[in-house]
Every structure is written in structure tokens, then in C-alpha cells.
Amino acid sequence: EEEFEKKIAPPTLLLYVDAGKETMVKRLLKRGET
């Protein structure tokens, strides 16, 4: 189980971080509009 998690964890974390960045950028853009 541990090996399985180690293989899957990094890509999932990267996707999560990328999604977080996009969300932050969208919020900043929305603030700039108003």
C-alpha cells in the first residue's frame, strides 16, 4: 500500500497545487475587474 501511495501522491499534489494557483489567479482577476 505504501509504495502505491508514494507513486500516486506526487502527481496528485502537483495537480492540487496547480489548481490552487489557477483559483488564486482567477480571484485576483475578479478583484481587478471590480
PDB file of N, CA and C in Angstrom:
ATOM      1  N   GLU A   1       0.838  -1.214   0.000  1.00  0.00           N
ATOM      2  CA  GLU A   1       0.000   0.000   0.000  1.00  0.00           C
ATOM      3  C   GLU A   1       0.871   1.262   0.000  1.00  0.00           C
ATOM      4  N   GLU A   2       1.929   1.240   0.794  1.00  0.00           N
ATOM      5  CA  GLU A   2       2.773   2.440   0.880  1.00  0.00           C
ATOM      6  C   GLU A   2       3.388   2.788  -0.476  1.00  0.00           C
ATOM      7  N   GLU A   3       3.914   1.775  -1.168  1.00  0.00           N
ATOM      8  CA  GLU A   3       4.513   2.037  -2.481  1.00  0.00           C
ATOM      9  C   GLU A   3       3.479   2.614  -3.440  1.00  0.00           C
ATOM     10  N   PHE A   4       2.279   2.064  -3.392  1.00  0.00           N
ATOM     11  CA  PHE A   4       1.198   2.541  -4.256  1.00  0.00           C
ATOM     12  C   PHE A   4       0.910   4.013  -3.973  1.00  0.00           C
ATOM     13  N   GLU A   5       0.847   4.359  -2.696  1.00  0.00           N
ATOM     14  CA  GLU A   5       0.567   5.755  -2.321  1.00  0.00           C
ATOM     15  C   GLU A   5       1.703   6.664  -2.766  1.00  0.00           C
ATOM     16  N   LYS A   6       2.931   6.205  -2.608  1.00  0.00           N
ATOM     17  CA  LYS A   6       4.077   7.035  -2.989  1.00  0.00           C
ATOM     18  C   LYS A   6       4.047   7.347  -4.481  1.00  0.00           C
ATOM     19  N   LYS A   7       3.636   6.368  -5.291  1.00  0.00           N
ATOM     20  CA  LYS A   7       3.595   6.597  -6.740  1.00  0.00           C
ATOM     21  C   LYS A   7       2.487   7.579  -7.117  1.00  0.00           C
ATOM     22  N   ILE A   8       1.383   7.524  -6.410  1.00  0.00           N
ATOM     23  CA  ILE A   8       0.226   8.370  -6.771  1.00  0.00           C
ATOM     24  C   ILE A   8       0.277   9.747  -6.104  1.00  0.00           C
ATOM     25  N   ALA A   9       0.850   9.826  -4.925  1.00  0.00           N
ATOM     26  CA  ALA A   9       0.838  11.082  -4.159  1.00  0.00           C
ATOM     27  C   ALA A   9       1.455  12.269  -4.909  1.00  0.00           C
ATOM     28  N   PRO A  10       2.670  12.173  -5.442  1.00  0.00           N
ATOM     29  CA  PRO A  10       3.282  13.350  -6.081  1.00  0.00           C
ATOM     30  C   PRO A  10       2.439  13.973  -7.187  1.00  0.00           C
ATOM     31  N   PRO A  11       1.970  13.215  -8.180  1.00  0.00           N
ATOM     32  CA  PRO A  11       1.142  13.824  -9.239  1.00  0.00           C
ATOM     33  C   PRO A  11      -0.114  14.473  -8.680  1.00  0.00           C
ATOM     34  N   THR A  12      -0.735  13.820  -7.697  1.00  0.00           N
ATOM     35  CA  THR A  12      -1.950  14.380  -7.103  1.00  0.00           C
ATOM     36  C   THR A  12      -1.626  15.710  -6.435  1.00  0.00           C
ATOM     37  N   LEU A  13      -0.511  15.768  -5.723  1.00  0.00           N
ATOM     38  CA  LEU A  13      -0.123  17.015  -5.056  1.00  0.00           C
ATOM     39  C   LEU A  13       0.120  18.101  -6.095  1.00  0.00           C
ATOM     40  N   LEU A  14       0.806  17.754  -7.178  1.00  0.00           N
ATOM     41  CA  LEU A  14       1.085  18.745  -8.220  1.00  0.00           C
ATOM     42  C   LEU A  14      -0.214  19.274  -8.815  1.00  0.00           C
ATOM     43  N   LEU A  15      -1.157  18.376  -9.083  1.00  0.00           N
ATOM     44  CA  LEU A  15      -2.444  18.805  -9.639  1.00  0.00           C
ATOM     45  C   LEU A  15      -3.139  19.736  -8.659  1.00  0.00           C
ATOM     46  N   TYR A  16      -3.084  19.390  -7.367  1.00  0.00           N
ATOM     47  CA  TYR A  16      -3.738  20.202  -6.345  1.00  0.00           C
ATOM     48  C   TYR A  16      -3.111  21.592  -6.299  1.00  0.00           C
ATOM     49  N   VAL A  17      -1.785  21.633  -6.352  1.00  0.00           N
ATOM     50  CA  VAL A  17      -1.085  22.925  -6.309  1.00  0.00           C
ATOM     51  C   VAL A  17      -1.438  23.753  -7.541  1.00  0.00           C
ATOM     52  N   ASP A  18      -1.417  23.121  -8.719  1.00  0.00           N
ATOM     53  CA  ASP A  18      -1.754  23.839  -9.957  1.00  0.00           C
ATOM     54  C   ASP A  18      -3.171  24.391  -9.886  1.00  0.00           C
ATOM     55  N   ALA A  19      -4.107  23.580  -9.409  1.00  0.00           N
ATOM     56  CA  ALA A  19      -5.497  24.020  -9.301  1.00  0.00           C
ATOM     57  C   ALA A  19      -5.577  25.196  -8.339  1.00  0.00           C
ATOM     58  N   GLY A  20      -4.826  25.142  -7.249  1.00  0.00           N
ATOM     59  CA  GLY A  20      -4.829  26.224  -6.266  1.00  0.00           C
ATOM     60  C   GLY A  20      -4.324  27.515  -6.894  1.00  0.00           C
ATOM     61  N   LYS A  21      -3.268  27.411  -7.699  1.00  0.00           N
ATOM     62  CA  LYS A  21      -2.730  28.605  -8.356  1.00  0.00           C
ATOM     63  C   LYS A  21      -3.771  29.212  -9.284  1.00  0.00           C
ATOM     64  N   GLU A  22      -4.430  28.362 -10.071  1.00  0.00           N
ATOM     65  CA  GLU A  22      -5.451  28.866 -11.005  1.00  0.00           C
ATOM     66  C   GLU A  22      -6.561  29.577 -10.250  1.00  0.00           C
ATOM     67  N   THR A  23      -6.996  28.985  -9.136  1.00  0.00           N
ATOM     68  CA  THR A  23      -8.072  29.584  -8.347  1.00  0.00           C
ATOM     69  C   THR A  23      -7.642  30.951  -7.831  1.00  0.00           C
ATOM     70  N   MET A  24      -6.405  31.035  -7.337  1.00  0.00           N
ATOM     71  CA  MET A  24      -5.921  32.314  -6.813  1.00  0.00           C
ATOM     72  C   MET A  24      -5.865  33.356  -7.922  1.00  0.00           C
ATOM     73  N   VAL A  25      -5.379  32.958  -9.089  1.00  0.00           N
ATOM     74  CA  VAL A  25      -5.277  33.893 -10.217  1.00  0.00           C
ATOM     75  C   VAL A  25      -6.656  34.393 -10.609  1.00  0.00           C
ATOM     76  N   LYS A  26      -7.627  33.485 -10.684  1.00  0.00           N
ATOM     77  CA  LYS A  26      -8.988  33.882 -11.061  1.00  0.00           C
ATOM     78  C   LYS A  26      -9.551  34.872 -10.048  1.00  0.00           C
ATOM     79  N   ARG A  27      -9.293  34.623  -8.756  1.00  0.00           N
ATOM     80  CA  ARG A  27      -9.800  35.535  -7.720  1.00  0.00           C
ATOM     81  C   ARG A  27      -9.162  36.906  -7.884  1.00  0.00           C
ATOM     82  N   LEU A  28      -7.854  36.925  -8.157  1.00  0.00           N
ATOM     83  CA  LEU A  28      -7.166  38.206  -8.325  1.00  0.00           C
ATOM     84  C   LEU A  28      -7.730  38.948  -9.534  1.00  0.00           C
ATOM     85  N   LEU A  29      -7.980  38.218 -10.628  1.00  0.00           N
ATOM     86  CA  LEU A  29      -8.532  38.851 -11.831  1.00  0.00           C
ATOM     87  C   LEU A  29      -9.911  39.425 -11.545  1.00  0.00           C
ATOM     88  N   LYS A  30     -10.728  38.682 -10.798  1.00  0.00           N
ATOM     89  CA  LYS A  30     -12.074  39.168 -10.474  1.00  0.00           C
ATOM     90  C   LYS A  30     -11.976  40.438  -9.631  1.00  0.00           C
ATOM     91  N   ARG A  31     -11.022  40.475  -8.703  1.00  0.00           N
ATOM     92  CA  ARG A  31     -10.849  41.675  -7.873  1.00  0.00           C
ATOM     93  C   ARG A  31     -10.462  42.852  -8.756  1.00  0.00           C
ATOM     94  N   GLY A  32      -9.606  42.603  -9.739  1.00  0.00           N
ATOM     95  CA  GLY A  32      -9.158  43.670 -10.629  1.00  0.00           C
ATOM     96  C   GLY A  32     -10.305  44.229 -11.457  1.00  0.00           C
ATOM     97  N   GLU A  33     -11.258  43.388 -11.818  1.00  0.00           N
ATOM     98  CA  GLU A  33     -12.391  43.851 -12.632  1.00  0.00           C
ATOM     99  C   GLU A  33     -13.267  44.829 -11.860  1.00  0.00           C
ATOM    100  N   THR A  34     -13.506  44.538 -10.583  1.00  0.00           N
ATOM    101  CA  THR A  34     -14.403  45.398  -9.799  1.00  0.00           C
ATOM    102  C   THR A  34     -13.698  46.527  -9.121  1.00  0.00           C
TER     103      THR A  34
END
